[in-house]
Amino acid sequence: MANPLEAGLIELGIAAGEQQLEQLDGYRALLLKWNNGTNLVSRRDIQRLVPRHLLDSVSVLPWVRGDRIIDLGSGGGLPGLPIAIMRPQAQVTLLERSEKKCRFLNACVRELGLDNVQVIGLDAELYRPSALNQTLVSRAVAPPAKIWALGLHLLSRDGCMVLHTHIGADDHADDPVGGNEEAVSTGLPAGVQRSHHSVAIPGLPTRHEVLILEETRY
């Protein structure tokens, strides 16, 4: 019988090899090990790390494009580290201004053998990547309009932002936006193309919302 992580990936339609499953489980173990001292995830999430954080992070993979991905405000590595594990051919940047959390992220990169990941300890406004990214991901960091303003310079012209905008009625304390489609679009420039997607996460009672943003192409 498949374990909850493997079963959840199968339900999401995401194929994972043995090494990827081991790395995801290793990442889960590191989150548990470091959490007391670094405050990576809410204490109430300890018993539901797999659905609430790992499966939710990889659920956006269908909308992640290209081979250069950046996670803005990575925190404890969500969603960037699970995405990097599932997309080993992509170069993934974890952008996080907290020095303490960067130490954790670098430990994960070393211990999990993630050669495709770099950790950058800077504010988003100060970071100038050597090559632009095709996808920017961000989860429970700020409203979409703020993420758009902070991260647009990190994206190529054909790039997109993949944002967790509403993480469920059971998770309001961690949700910086919440609300309906109109609410999460407030403040975005008129020229931004947007699409909303509702995703059922195995093991969670409510659907989570994903917002895709990109510049309108003329």
C-alpha atoms as a PDB file:
ATOM      1  CA  MET A   1       0.000   0.000   0.000  1.00  0.00           C
ATOM      2  CA  ALA A   2       1.306   3.455  -0.923  1.00  0.00           C
ATOM      3  CA  ASN A   3       2.208   5.788   1.933  1.00  0.00           C
ATOM      4  CA  PRO A   4       0.187   9.052   2.293  1.00  0.00           C
ATOM      5  CA  LEU A   5       2.786  11.063   0.357  1.00  0.00           C
ATOM      6  CA  GLU A   6       2.965   8.652  -2.559  1.00  0.00           C
ATOM      7  CA  ALA A   7      -0.807   8.134  -2.551  1.00  0.00           C
ATOM      8  CA  GLY A   8      -1.390  11.897  -2.558  1.00  0.00           C
ATOM      9  CA  LEU A   9       0.953  12.418  -5.492  1.00  0.00           C
ATOM     10  CA  ILE A  10      -0.817   9.684  -7.431  1.00  0.00           C
ATOM     11  CA  GLU A  11      -4.190  11.312  -6.704  1.00  0.00           C
ATOM     12  CA  LEU A  12      -2.824  14.634  -7.983  1.00  0.00           C
ATOM     13  CA  GLY A  13      -1.604  12.900 -11.139  1.00  0.00           C
ATOM     14  CA  ILE A  14       2.059  13.628 -10.373  1.00  0.00           C
ATOM     15  CA  ALA A  15       4.611  10.920 -11.109  1.00  0.00           C
ATOM     16  CA  ALA A  16       7.489  10.573  -8.629  1.00  0.00           C
ATOM     17  CA  GLY A  17      10.495   8.272  -8.677  1.00  0.00           C
ATOM     18  CA  GLU A  18      11.953   6.535  -5.640  1.00  0.00           C
ATOM     19  CA  GLN A  19      14.649   9.186  -5.163  1.00  0.00           C
ATOM     20  CA  GLN A  20      12.087  11.998  -5.305  1.00  0.00           C
ATOM     21  CA  LEU A  21       9.908  10.282  -2.711  1.00  0.00           C
ATOM     22  CA  GLU A  22      12.958   9.858  -0.463  1.00  0.00           C
ATOM     23  CA  GLN A  23      13.917  13.513  -0.885  1.00  0.00           C
ATOM     24  CA  LEU A  24      10.393  14.735  -0.138  1.00  0.00           C
ATOM     25  CA  ASP A  25      10.268  12.585   2.991  1.00  0.00           C
ATOM     26  CA  GLY A  26      13.750  13.760   3.947  1.00  0.00           C
ATOM     27  CA  TYR A  27      12.600  17.354   3.590  1.00  0.00           C
ATOM     28  CA  ARG A  28       9.586  16.600   5.804  1.00  0.00           C
ATOM     29  CA  ALA A  29      11.949  15.200   8.446  1.00  0.00           C
ATOM     30  CA  LEU A  30      14.161  18.306   8.268  1.00  0.00           C
ATOM     31  CA  LEU A  31      11.142  20.579   8.701  1.00  0.00           C
ATOM     32  CA  LEU A  32      10.234  18.677  11.856  1.00  0.00           C
ATOM     33  CA  LYS A  33      13.811  18.732  13.157  1.00  0.00           C
ATOM     34  CA  TRP A  34      14.350  22.469  12.664  1.00  0.00           C
ATOM     35  CA  ASN A  35      10.862  23.772  13.359  1.00  0.00           C
ATOM     36  CA  ASN A  36      11.109  24.443  17.093  1.00  0.00           C
ATOM     37  CA  GLY A  37      14.115  26.709  16.729  1.00  0.00           C
ATOM     38  CA  THR A  38      13.313  28.319  13.391  1.00  0.00           C
ATOM     39  CA  ASN A  39       9.483  28.581  13.300  1.00  0.00           C
ATOM     40  CA  LEU A  40       9.153  27.203   9.781  1.00  0.00           C
ATOM     41  CA  VAL A  41       5.540  26.012   9.926  1.00  0.00           C
ATOM     42  CA  SER A  42       2.640  26.432  12.329  1.00  0.00           C
ATOM     43  CA  ARG A  43       2.604  23.976  15.233  1.00  0.00           C
ATOM     44  CA  ARG A  44      -0.908  22.920  14.284  1.00  0.00           C
ATOM     45  CA  ASP A  45       0.487  21.721  10.949  1.00  0.00           C
ATOM     46  CA  ILE A  46       2.973  19.256  12.430  1.00  0.00           C
ATOM     47  CA  GLN A  47       0.539  16.351  12.078  1.00  0.00           C
ATOM     48  CA  ARG A  48      -0.445  17.293   8.526  1.00  0.00           C
ATOM     49  CA  LEU A  49       2.826  18.301   6.915  1.00  0.00           C
ATOM     50  CA  VAL A  50       2.280  16.004   3.943  1.00  0.00           C
ATOM     51  CA  PRO A  51      -1.091  17.328   2.699  1.00  0.00           C
ATOM     52  CA  ARG A  52      -0.900  20.870   4.040  1.00  0.00           C
ATOM     53  CA  HIS A  53       2.610  21.674   2.832  1.00  0.00           C
ATOM     54  CA  LEU A  54       4.195  19.043   0.576  1.00  0.00           C
ATOM     55  CA  LEU A  55       1.177  18.104  -1.545  1.00  0.00           C
ATOM     56  CA  ASP A  56      -0.123  21.670  -1.610  1.00  0.00           C
ATOM     57  CA  SER A  57       3.271  22.902  -2.846  1.00  0.00           C
ATOM     58  CA  VAL A  58       3.553  20.436  -5.729  1.00  0.00           C
ATOM     59  CA  SER A  59      -0.109  20.844  -6.714  1.00  0.00           C
ATOM     60  CA  VAL A  60       0.868  23.929  -8.761  1.00  0.00           C
ATOM     61  CA  LEU A  61       3.289  21.986 -10.994  1.00  0.00           C
ATOM     62  CA  PRO A  62       0.887  21.924 -13.979  1.00  0.00           C
ATOM     63  CA  TRP A  63       1.266  25.722 -14.243  1.00  0.00           C
ATOM     64  CA  VAL A  64       5.014  25.947 -13.614  1.00  0.00           C
ATOM     65  CA  ARG A  65       6.809  26.610 -16.901  1.00  0.00           C
ATOM     66  CA  GLY A  66      10.412  26.696 -18.079  1.00  0.00           C
ATOM     67  CA  ASP A  67      13.682  25.573 -16.543  1.00  0.00           C
ATOM     68  CA  ARG A  68      14.340  28.628 -14.349  1.00  0.00           C
ATOM     69  CA  ILE A  69      12.055  29.014 -11.334  1.00  0.00           C
ATOM     70  CA  ILE A  70      12.222  31.415  -8.400  1.00  0.00           C
ATOM     71  CA  ASP A  71      10.386  31.130  -5.066  1.00  0.00           C
ATOM     72  CA  LEU A  72       9.829  34.638  -3.679  1.00  0.00           C
ATOM     73  CA  GLY A  73       9.718  34.723   0.131  1.00  0.00           C
ATOM     74  CA  SER A  74      10.599  31.033   0.355  1.00  0.00           C
ATOM     75  CA  GLY A  75      10.512  30.874   4.165  1.00  0.00           C
ATOM     76  CA  GLY A  76      10.955  27.212   5.022  1.00  0.00           C
ATOM     77  CA  GLY A  77      11.276  26.303   1.349  1.00  0.00           C
ATOM     78  CA  LEU A  78       7.599  26.124   0.442  1.00  0.00           C
ATOM     79  CA  PRO A  79       6.754  25.695  -2.358  1.00  0.00           C
ATOM     80  CA  GLY A  80      10.236  25.978  -3.899  1.00  0.00           C
ATOM     81  CA  LEU A  81      11.977  22.925  -2.422  1.00  0.00           C
ATOM     82  CA  PRO A  82       9.229  20.397  -3.246  1.00  0.00           C
ATOM     83  CA  ILE A  83       9.043  21.881  -6.768  1.00  0.00           C
ATOM     84  CA  ALA A  84      12.831  21.578  -7.136  1.00  0.00           C
ATOM     85  CA  ILE A  85      12.662  17.933  -6.062  1.00  0.00           C
ATOM     86  CA  MET A  86       9.943  17.198  -8.616  1.00  0.00           C
ATOM     87  CA  ARG A  87      11.675  19.209 -11.379  1.00  0.00           C
ATOM     88  CA  PRO A  88      15.338  18.159 -11.037  1.00  0.00           C
ATOM     89  CA  GLN A  89      16.114  19.464 -14.543  1.00  0.00           C
ATOM     90  CA  ALA A  90      15.097  23.015 -13.555  1.00  0.00           C
ATOM     91  CA  GLN A  91      17.245  25.598 -11.796  1.00  0.00           C
ATOM     92  CA  VAL A  92      15.362  26.797  -8.716  1.00  0.00           C
ATOM     93  CA  THR A  93      16.207  29.901  -6.690  1.00  0.00           C
ATOM     94  CA  LEU A  94      14.933  30.280  -3.129  1.00  0.00           C
ATOM     95  CA  LEU A  95      14.753  33.995  -2.318  1.00  0.00           C
ATOM     96  CA  GLU A  96      14.462  34.587   1.429  1.00  0.00           C
ATOM     97  CA  ARG A  97      15.582  37.579   3.488  1.00  0.00           C
ATOM     98  CA  SER A  98      15.664  35.812   6.895  1.00  0.00           C
ATOM     99  CA  GLU A  99      19.211  34.706   7.713  1.00  0.00           C
ATOM    100  CA  LYS A 100      17.945  32.016  10.086  1.00  0.00           C
ATOM    101  CA  LYS A 101      15.649  30.524   7.442  1.00  0.00           C
ATOM    102  CA  CYS A 102      18.425  30.702   4.839  1.00  0.00           C
ATOM    103  CA  ARG A 103      20.570  28.539   7.110  1.00  0.00           C
ATOM    104  CA  PHE A 104      17.795  25.967   7.127  1.00  0.00           C
ATOM    105  CA  LEU A 105      17.346  26.152   3.356  1.00  0.00           C
ATOM    106  CA  ASN A 106      21.081  25.668   2.761  1.00  0.00           C
ATOM    107  CA  ALA A 107      21.067  22.694   5.123  1.00  0.00           C
ATOM    108  CA  CYS A 108      18.230  21.158   3.086  1.00  0.00           C
ATOM    109  CA  VAL A 109      20.110  21.705  -0.167  1.00  0.00           C
ATOM    110  CA  ARG A 110      23.199  19.961   1.258  1.00  0.00           C
ATOM    111  CA  GLU A 111      21.482  17.085   3.018  1.00  0.00           C
ATOM    112  CA  LEU A 112      19.036  16.322   0.213  1.00  0.00           C
ATOM    113  CA  GLY A 113      21.674  16.656  -2.537  1.00  0.00           C
ATOM    114  CA  LEU A 114      19.749  19.289  -4.484  1.00  0.00           C
ATOM    115  CA  ASP A 115      22.325  20.496  -6.997  1.00  0.00           C
ATOM    116  CA  ASN A 116      19.635  22.426  -8.889  1.00  0.00           C
ATOM    117  CA  VAL A 117      18.848  24.819  -6.013  1.00  0.00           C
ATOM    118  CA  GLN A 118      20.474  28.075  -4.931  1.00  0.00           C
ATOM    119  CA  VAL A 119      19.553  30.086  -1.834  1.00  0.00           C
ATOM    120  CA  ILE A 120      19.683  33.892  -2.013  1.00  0.00           C
ATOM    121  CA  GLY A 121      19.459  35.844   1.248  1.00  0.00           C
ATOM    122  CA  LEU A 122      18.175  39.204   0.005  1.00  0.00           C
ATOM    123  CA  ASP A 123      15.051  41.309  -0.165  1.00  0.00           C
ATOM    124  CA  ALA A 124      13.310  40.818  -3.511  1.00  0.00           C
ATOM    125  CA  GLU A 125      13.815  44.481  -4.453  1.00  0.00           C
ATOM    126  CA  LEU A 126      17.589  44.138  -4.146  1.00  0.00           C
ATOM    127  CA  TYR A 127      18.086  40.890  -6.043  1.00  0.00           C
ATOM    128  CA  ARG A 128      19.137  41.036  -9.683  1.00  0.00           C
ATOM    129  CA  PRO A 129      19.419  37.529 -11.135  1.00  0.00           C
ATOM    130  CA  SER A 130      22.055  36.742 -13.745  1.00  0.00           C
ATOM    131  CA  ALA A 131      19.302  35.179 -15.874  1.00  0.00           C
ATOM    132  CA  LEU A 132      15.576  35.873 -15.718  1.00  0.00           C
ATOM    133  CA  ASN A 133      13.080  33.235 -14.631  1.00  0.00           C
ATOM    134  CA  GLN A 134      10.202  31.687 -16.558  1.00  0.00           C
ATOM    135  CA  THR A 135       8.145  31.107 -13.398  1.00  0.00           C
ATOM    136  CA  LEU A 136       7.898  32.877 -10.068  1.00  0.00           C
ATOM    137  CA  VAL A 137       6.111  30.960  -7.308  1.00  0.00           C
ATOM    138  CA  SER A 138       5.019  32.334  -3.950  1.00  0.00           C
ATOM    139  CA  ARG A 139       2.933  30.889  -1.152  1.00  0.00           C
ATOM    140  CA  ALA A 140       1.275  32.694   1.744  1.00  0.00           C
ATOM    141  CA  VAL A 141       3.626  35.695   1.525  1.00  0.00           C
ATOM    142  CA  ALA A 142       1.620  38.762   0.441  1.00  0.00           C
ATOM    143  CA  PRO A 143      -1.366  39.823  -1.705  1.00  0.00           C
ATOM    144  CA  PRO A 144      -0.886  39.228  -5.453  1.00  0.00           C
ATOM    145  CA  ALA A 145      -0.573  42.950  -6.292  1.00  0.00           C
ATOM    146  CA  LYS A 146       2.380  43.254  -3.902  1.00  0.00           C
ATOM    147  CA  ILE A 147       4.033  40.093  -5.246  1.00  0.00           C
ATOM    148  CA  TRP A 148       3.586  41.419  -8.797  1.00  0.00           C
ATOM    149  CA  ALA A 149       5.272  44.690  -7.876  1.00  0.00           C
ATOM    150  CA  LEU A 150       8.096  42.983  -5.955  1.00  0.00           C
ATOM    151  CA  GLY A 151       8.833  40.229  -8.437  1.00  0.00           C
ATOM    152  CA  LEU A 152       8.172  41.452 -11.973  1.00  0.00           C
ATOM    153  CA  HIS A 153      11.851  42.326 -12.525  1.00  0.00           C
ATOM    154  CA  LEU A 154      12.759  38.696 -11.793  1.00  0.00           C
ATOM    155  CA  LEU A 155      10.686  37.337 -14.707  1.00  0.00           C
ATOM    156  CA  SER A 156      11.353  37.016 -18.413  1.00  0.00           C
ATOM    157  CA  ARG A 157       8.849  38.675 -20.767  1.00  0.00           C
ATOM    158  CA  ASP A 158       7.138  35.346 -21.414  1.00  0.00           C
ATOM    159  CA  GLY A 159       7.214  34.374 -17.738  1.00  0.00           C
ATOM    160  CA  CYS A 160       4.371  33.910 -15.280  1.00  0.00           C
ATOM    161  CA  MET A 161       3.662  34.064 -11.566  1.00  0.00           C
ATOM    162  CA  VAL A 162       2.031  31.065  -9.901  1.00  0.00           C
ATOM    163  CA  LEU A 163       0.582  32.188  -6.579  1.00  0.00           C
ATOM    164  CA  HIS A 164      -1.213  30.349  -3.799  1.00  0.00           C
ATOM    165  CA  THR A 165      -3.849  32.993  -3.098  1.00  0.00           C
ATOM    166  CA  HIS A 166      -6.274  31.208  -0.799  1.00  0.00           C
ATOM    167  CA  ILE A 167      -5.225  28.166   1.154  1.00  0.00           C
ATOM    168  CA  GLY A 168      -8.565  27.050   2.469  1.00  0.00           C
ATOM    169  CA  ALA A 169     -11.218  27.922   5.017  1.00  0.00           C
ATOM    170  CA  ASP A 170      -9.385  25.857   7.633  1.00  0.00           C
ATOM    171  CA  ASP A 171      -6.182  27.880   7.201  1.00  0.00           C
ATOM    172  CA  HIS A 172      -7.136  31.559   7.488  1.00  0.00           C
ATOM    173  CA  ALA A 173      -4.437  32.336  10.051  1.00  0.00           C
ATOM    174  CA  ASP A 174      -1.725  31.607   7.479  1.00  0.00           C
ATOM    175  CA  ASP A 175      -3.521  33.169   4.519  1.00  0.00           C
ATOM    176  CA  PRO A 176      -2.446  36.741   3.679  1.00  0.00           C
ATOM    177  CA  VAL A 177      -5.232  37.187   1.144  1.00  0.00           C
ATOM    178  CA  GLY A 178      -8.226  34.889   1.445  1.00  0.00           C
ATOM    179  CA  GLY A 179     -11.576  35.814   0.003  1.00  0.00           C
ATOM    180  CA  ASN A 180     -12.936  35.599  -3.504  1.00  0.00           C
ATOM    181  CA  GLU A 181     -11.572  36.055  -7.010  1.00  0.00           C
ATOM    182  CA  GLU A 182     -12.260  39.786  -7.003  1.00  0.00           C
ATOM    183  CA  ALA A 183     -10.435  40.282  -3.691  1.00  0.00           C
ATOM    184  CA  VAL A 184      -7.225  38.578  -4.740  1.00  0.00           C
ATOM    185  CA  SER A 185      -7.092  40.638  -7.953  1.00  0.00           C
ATOM    186  CA  THR A 186      -7.385  43.996  -6.169  1.00  0.00           C
ATOM    187  CA  GLY A 187      -4.576  46.397  -7.037  1.00  0.00           C
ATOM    188  CA  LEU A 188      -3.208  44.498 -10.029  1.00  0.00           C
ATOM    189  CA  PRO A 189      -2.424  46.656 -13.097  1.00  0.00           C
ATOM    190  CA  ALA A 190      -4.918  46.582 -15.945  1.00  0.00           C
ATOM    191  CA  GLY A 191      -2.421  44.965 -18.316  1.00  0.00           C
ATOM    192  CA  VAL A 192      -1.983  41.823 -16.224  1.00  0.00           C
ATOM    193  CA  GLN A 193      -3.531  38.645 -17.592  1.00  0.00           C
ATOM    194  CA  ARG A 194      -4.894  36.471 -14.806  1.00  0.00           C
ATOM    195  CA  SER A 195      -6.490  33.059 -14.433  1.00  0.00           C
ATOM    196  CA  HIS A 196      -7.811  31.323 -11.333  1.00  0.00           C
ATOM    197  CA  HIS A 197      -7.735  27.597 -10.578  1.00  0.00           C
ATOM    198  CA  SER A 198      -9.289  25.644  -7.729  1.00  0.00           C
ATOM    199  CA  VAL A 199      -7.317  22.585  -6.598  1.00  0.00           C
ATOM    200  CA  ALA A 200      -8.414  19.709  -4.366  1.00  0.00           C
ATOM    201  CA  ILE A 201      -5.516  18.642  -2.118  1.00  0.00           C
ATOM    202  CA  PRO A 202      -5.673  15.009  -0.966  1.00  0.00           C
ATOM    203  CA  GLY A 203      -6.120  14.870   2.795  1.00  0.00           C
ATOM    204  CA  LEU A 204      -7.439  18.426   3.226  1.00  0.00           C
ATOM    205  CA  PRO A 205     -11.124  19.329   3.648  1.00  0.00           C
ATOM    206  CA  THR A 206     -11.220  22.450   1.462  1.00  0.00           C
ATOM    207  CA  ARG A 207     -10.023  23.306  -2.020  1.00  0.00           C
ATOM    208  CA  HIS A 208      -7.084  25.670  -2.431  1.00  0.00           C
ATOM    209  CA  GLU A 209      -6.921  28.513  -4.924  1.00  0.00           C
ATOM    210  CA  VAL A 210      -4.106  29.266  -7.367  1.00  0.00           C
ATOM    211  CA  LEU A 211      -3.738  32.498  -9.338  1.00  0.00           C
ATOM    212  CA  ILE A 212      -1.665  32.682 -12.528  1.00  0.00           C
ATOM    213  CA  LEU A 213      -0.400  36.126 -13.539  1.00  0.00           C
ATOM    214  CA  GLU A 214       1.418  37.192 -16.702  1.00  0.00           C
ATOM    215  CA  GLU A 215       1.784  40.292 -18.804  1.00  0.00           C
ATOM    216  CA  THR A 216      -0.819  40.642 -21.546  1.00  0.00           C
ATOM    217  CA  ARG A 217       0.673  39.731 -24.912  1.00  0.00           C
ATOM    218  CA  TYR A 218      -0.269  41.970 -27.831  1.00  0.00           C
END
